Protein backbone atom coordinates (compact mmCIF):
# COMPACT_ATOMS: atom_id res chain seq x y z
CA MET A 1 -2.57 -20.82 -28.10
CA SER A 2 -4.11 -17.94 -30.01
CA HIS A 3 -2.21 -14.64 -30.22
CA ILE A 4 -5.41 -12.65 -29.77
CA ILE A 5 -5.40 -10.72 -26.49
CA LYS A 6 -7.94 -12.30 -24.21
CA ALA A 7 -10.57 -10.39 -22.26
CA SER A 8 -10.28 -9.59 -18.60
CA GLY A 9 -11.83 -11.63 -15.80
CA ASP A 10 -11.86 -15.41 -16.21
CA ASP A 11 -9.88 -15.25 -19.46
CA GLU A 12 -7.14 -13.21 -17.81
CA ARG A 13 -7.06 -15.66 -14.93
CA GLU A 14 -6.38 -18.45 -17.44
CA LEU A 15 -3.66 -16.35 -19.03
CA VAL A 16 -2.04 -15.81 -15.64
CA LYS A 17 -2.19 -19.53 -14.89
CA ASP A 18 -0.46 -20.17 -18.23
CA LEU A 19 2.14 -17.53 -17.38
CA VAL A 20 2.85 -19.21 -14.04
CA ASN A 21 3.49 -22.41 -15.98
CA GLY A 22 6.02 -20.63 -18.20
CA ASP A 23 3.87 -19.97 -21.28
CA GLN A 24 5.71 -17.29 -23.30
CA ASP A 25 2.62 -16.50 -25.37
CA ALA A 26 0.57 -15.79 -22.23
CA PHE A 27 3.35 -13.47 -21.07
CA ASN A 28 3.29 -11.66 -24.42
CA GLN A 29 -0.46 -11.15 -24.24
CA LEU A 30 -0.30 -9.74 -20.72
CA TYR A 31 2.59 -7.52 -21.81
CA GLN A 32 0.54 -6.18 -24.70
CA LYS A 33 -2.41 -5.53 -22.41
CA TYR A 34 -0.59 -3.64 -19.64
CA SER A 35 2.71 -2.30 -21.00
CA GLY A 36 1.27 0.75 -22.77
CA LEU A 37 -0.55 2.03 -19.70
CA ILE A 38 2.40 1.45 -17.38
CA TYR A 39 4.79 3.07 -19.86
CA GLN A 40 2.66 6.24 -19.98
CA LYS A 41 2.66 6.53 -16.20
CA ILE A 42 6.41 5.92 -15.92
CA PHE A 43 7.11 8.46 -18.64
CA LEU A 44 5.04 11.09 -16.81
CA MET A 45 7.21 10.49 -13.73
CA THR A 46 10.61 10.34 -15.42
CA LYS A 47 10.10 12.62 -18.48
CA TYR A 48 12.65 10.63 -20.49
CA GLU A 49 11.71 8.01 -23.09
CA HIS A 50 14.86 5.96 -22.70
CA ILE A 51 14.41 5.78 -18.91
CA ALA A 52 10.75 4.84 -19.26
CA ASP A 53 11.70 2.15 -21.79
CA GLU A 54 14.40 0.77 -19.51
CA LEU A 55 12.16 0.69 -16.45
CA LEU A 56 9.31 -0.91 -18.38
CA GLN A 57 11.58 -3.72 -19.57
CA ASP A 58 12.91 -4.16 -16.04
CA ILE A 59 9.35 -4.43 -14.71
CA PHE A 60 8.33 -7.15 -17.14
CA LEU A 61 11.63 -8.97 -16.73
CA LYS A 62 10.76 -9.20 -13.03
CA VAL A 63 7.25 -10.36 -13.94
CA TRP A 64 8.72 -13.23 -15.93
CA SER A 65 11.39 -14.03 -13.36
CA ASN A 66 8.87 -14.06 -10.50
CA ARG A 67 5.98 -15.69 -12.37
CA VAL A 68 5.89 -18.77 -10.12
CA SER A 69 4.98 -16.53 -7.16
CA ILE A 70 1.84 -15.19 -8.85
CA ASN A 71 -1.50 -16.27 -7.40
CA PRO A 72 -3.94 -16.59 -10.35
CA ASP A 73 -6.87 -16.19 -7.96
CA LYS A 74 -5.76 -12.69 -7.01
CA SER A 75 -5.58 -9.51 -9.10
CA PHE A 76 -2.74 -9.74 -11.61
CA LYS A 77 -2.97 -5.99 -12.21
CA ALA A 78 -2.44 -5.24 -8.51
CA TRP A 79 0.54 -7.62 -8.41
CA LEU A 80 1.98 -6.03 -11.55
CA TYR A 81 1.60 -2.53 -10.12
CA THR A 82 3.44 -3.63 -6.98
CA ILE A 83 6.33 -4.79 -9.17
CA ALA A 84 6.25 -1.48 -11.06
CA GLN A 85 6.13 0.50 -7.83
CA ASN A 86 9.22 -1.26 -6.48
CA VAL A 87 11.16 -0.82 -9.73
CA VAL A 88 10.39 2.91 -9.92
CA TYR A 89 11.19 3.33 -6.22
CA ASP A 90 14.58 1.67 -6.68
CA TYR A 91 15.29 3.99 -9.61
CA TYR A 92 14.53 7.13 -7.62
CA ARG A 93 16.27 5.86 -4.50
CA LYS A 94 19.50 5.44 -6.47
CA LEU A 95 19.18 8.91 -7.98
CA ALA A 96 18.38 10.60 -4.66
CA HIS A 97 22.09 10.88 -3.86
CA ASP A 98 22.49 13.36 -6.73
CA LYS A 99 21.51 16.94 -5.77
CA LYS A 100 20.29 17.84 -9.26
CA MET A 101 18.22 14.69 -9.36
CA GLN A 102 16.86 15.47 -5.89
CA ASP A 103 15.58 18.80 -7.15
CA TYR A 104 14.03 17.20 -10.23
CA PHE A 105 12.69 14.35 -8.14
CA ILE A 106 10.88 16.71 -5.77
CA GLU A 107 9.63 18.93 -8.58
CA SER A 108 8.25 15.90 -10.42
CA PHE A 109 5.97 15.08 -7.50
CA THR A 110 4.98 18.62 -6.59
CA ASN A 111 1.40 17.87 -7.55
CA LEU A 112 1.28 15.34 -4.71
CA TYR A 113 2.33 17.78 -2.01
CA SER A 114 -1.28 18.63 -1.24
CA GLU A 115 -1.79 15.00 -0.26
CA THR A 116 1.01 14.92 2.30
CA GLU A 117 -0.45 16.94 5.15
CA ASP A 118 -2.07 13.97 6.87
CA TYR A 119 1.15 12.01 6.46
CA LEU A 120 3.29 14.76 7.95
CA LEU A 121 1.07 15.41 10.93
CA ASN A 122 0.25 11.80 11.78
CA LYS A 123 1.58 11.18 15.29
CA GLU A 124 2.55 7.63 14.34
CA ARG A 125 5.18 9.14 12.07
CA SER A 126 6.44 11.73 14.56
CA ALA A 127 10.06 10.53 14.32
CA ILE A 128 10.51 11.56 10.69
CA LEU A 129 8.62 14.82 11.30
CA ASN A 130 10.77 15.67 14.35
CA ALA A 131 13.91 15.00 12.34
CA ALA A 132 12.61 17.30 9.62
CA LEU A 133 11.79 20.01 12.16
CA GLU A 134 15.35 19.90 13.46
CA THR A 135 16.60 21.04 10.05
CA LEU A 136 14.70 24.34 10.37
CA SER A 137 15.93 27.54 11.95
CA PRO A 138 14.58 28.15 15.49
CA LYS A 139 12.20 30.89 14.36
CA ARG A 140 10.87 28.92 11.39
CA ARG A 141 10.44 25.83 13.57
CA GLU A 142 8.51 27.81 16.18
CA ILE A 143 6.21 29.33 13.57
CA PHE A 144 5.49 25.90 12.13
CA ARG A 145 4.80 24.50 15.60
CA LEU A 146 2.44 27.31 16.58
CA CYS A 147 0.51 27.26 13.30
CA LYS A 148 0.36 23.52 12.68
CA PHE A 149 0.39 21.98 16.13
CA GLU A 150 -1.36 24.68 18.17
CA ASP A 151 -3.60 25.82 15.30
CA LYS A 152 -2.96 29.50 15.93
CA SER A 153 -3.81 32.11 13.32
CA TYR A 154 -1.19 34.16 11.50
CA LYS A 155 -2.18 37.20 13.57
CA GLU A 156 -1.92 35.32 16.87
CA VAL A 157 1.55 34.04 15.97
CA ALA A 158 2.59 37.48 14.72
CA ASP A 159 1.52 39.11 17.99
CA LEU A 160 3.20 36.41 20.04
CA LEU A 161 6.53 36.63 18.20
CA GLN A 162 6.30 40.37 17.48
CA ILE A 163 6.58 40.00 13.73
CA SER A 164 4.18 40.80 10.87
CA PRO A 165 1.49 38.35 9.70
CA SER A 166 3.07 38.36 6.24
CA THR A 167 6.35 37.21 7.78
CA VAL A 168 4.50 34.41 9.54
CA SER A 169 2.90 33.39 6.25
CA ASN A 170 6.18 33.44 4.33
CA GLN A 171 8.05 31.56 7.03
CA LEU A 172 5.32 28.94 7.31
CA VAL A 173 5.32 28.35 3.55
CA ALA A 174 9.11 27.96 3.57
CA ALA A 175 9.03 25.68 6.62
CA THR A 176 6.33 23.46 5.13
CA LYS A 177 8.21 23.17 1.84
CA SER A 178 11.44 22.30 3.63
CA ILE A 179 9.76 19.66 5.80
CA LYS A 180 7.97 18.07 2.87
CA GLU A 181 11.23 17.87 0.91
CA TYR A 182 12.98 16.26 3.87
CA VAL A 183 10.21 13.72 4.37
CA PHE A 184 10.06 13.09 0.64
CA LEU A 185 13.74 12.22 0.49
CA HIS A 186 14.04 10.36 3.79
CA ALA A 187 10.80 8.45 4.30
CA GLN A 188 10.66 5.27 2.23
CA GLU A 189 7.01 4.75 3.07
CA PHE A 190 6.04 8.20 1.83
CA LEU A 191 8.01 7.79 -1.38
CA MET A 192 6.27 4.50 -2.04
CA ILE A 193 2.90 6.17 -1.44
CA CYS A 194 3.71 8.89 -3.97
CA ILE A 195 4.84 6.42 -6.61
CA SER A 196 1.81 4.26 -5.97
CA LEU A 197 -0.50 7.25 -6.43
CA CYS A 198 1.18 8.17 -9.71
CA LEU A 199 0.96 4.64 -11.06
CA LYS A 200 -2.65 4.04 -10.09
CA LYS A 201 -4.30 7.38 -10.71
């Protein structure tokens, strides 16, 4: 088989079929096609070359090991990104027990915080949100509840609790940050969503 990287579409489908049958050359061609892009995304998430290298090799080792489960009629890229998502998730899950890594972990995904509001306030996920709320002080929890759940303005909450609007604002910012960090570290689904967004964007 030629060592020239084949085009996408039907040619890639043939490559995937060859990969399923254990063709090392087909594996190499798919590696050459996708490894650079995946490496860049992993590096942006981890910031360390040696970690990105290690995770990339782990991803493609799993591709080879699980090749018989690939369906050539479906998107290989989507299947590959699922493998990558799981590998990166496992990496972060293991590091989440380290406080310094928790801080770095959260900071690394700060740019995704704006995309978490719907997740946090979705009633189907109320259990994780309620658990996060319980970690707040009573005042901070009440401010969050009034602003987010009852949609009251800063002034309305300030008048109700007899505090200044600026205090409401500061407390709400702190409460929201605390809740997002809790959800980020405790909700597997949310973590997978964040990693998926980073890999696919």
